[in-house]
Amino acid sequence: MQKRSQETRNLIISEAIKLFCRSGYDATGVAEICQAAGISKGAFYHHFPSKQDLFLAIVDQWLQGVNSQLLSFRTPGKTVPQSMQEMAKTLGLIFQAANGQLPMFMEFMVQASRDKAVWNATIAPYRQYQSQFAKLINDGIEEGSLKPDVDAETSAWVVIALAIGILLQGIVVPDAADWEKVTDAGIKMILESMQRSKA
């Protein structure tokens, strides 16, 4: 019974993502989601009290996927620059995992600008990522792979800006470039400005 309930919940999320990507959050109604998932409104409201709660669950699922990827790239025995190069590959994996769902990223941003609950759910993780990257950069300063005068806080925001910018370009002009290569090159440029010269 619990497995079936989870399958229904997953189906609702899956169909909602398709509809939100195609028509947008505002233009998609609960009735349309129910029809696409082949369920009753009662079944929908059993899992999600509202469309907003469903959207927040999708935001949470997306961010959990990003978190698991980011946590996996910092491995013992690697310098901070090596770990950051691994991080560049993470964005490529996010592109692959999204599989046509990148418009949802844009929906998150649009809804965050209109809805305080979505704003809090979407923006809080960015602050967490900034803190994680700042710590990573400070680790690099301590290990001697990065320059001692690097501003870890600002550099962390630059890394996040690069990642978000590439995700947005991947939505707007998906075929304009190999975005995985662009990410790799962008991280290398950032690292070159921060790394100690090997004398």
Foldseek 3Di string as FASTA:
>chain_A
DVVVLVVLLVLLLVLVLVCCLVPNLVVDDLVNSCVSSVHDSVSVCVNAVGSVRSLLVNLVVLVVLLVVLLVPLDDPPDALLSSLLSVLVSLVVSVVVCPSSLSSVVSLVVVLVPDVVSVCSNVVVLVVQLVVQLVSLVSNCVVQFWPVPDDSNVLSVVLVVLSVVLSVCCVVPVPPDPSSVVSSVVSVVSSVVTGDDDD
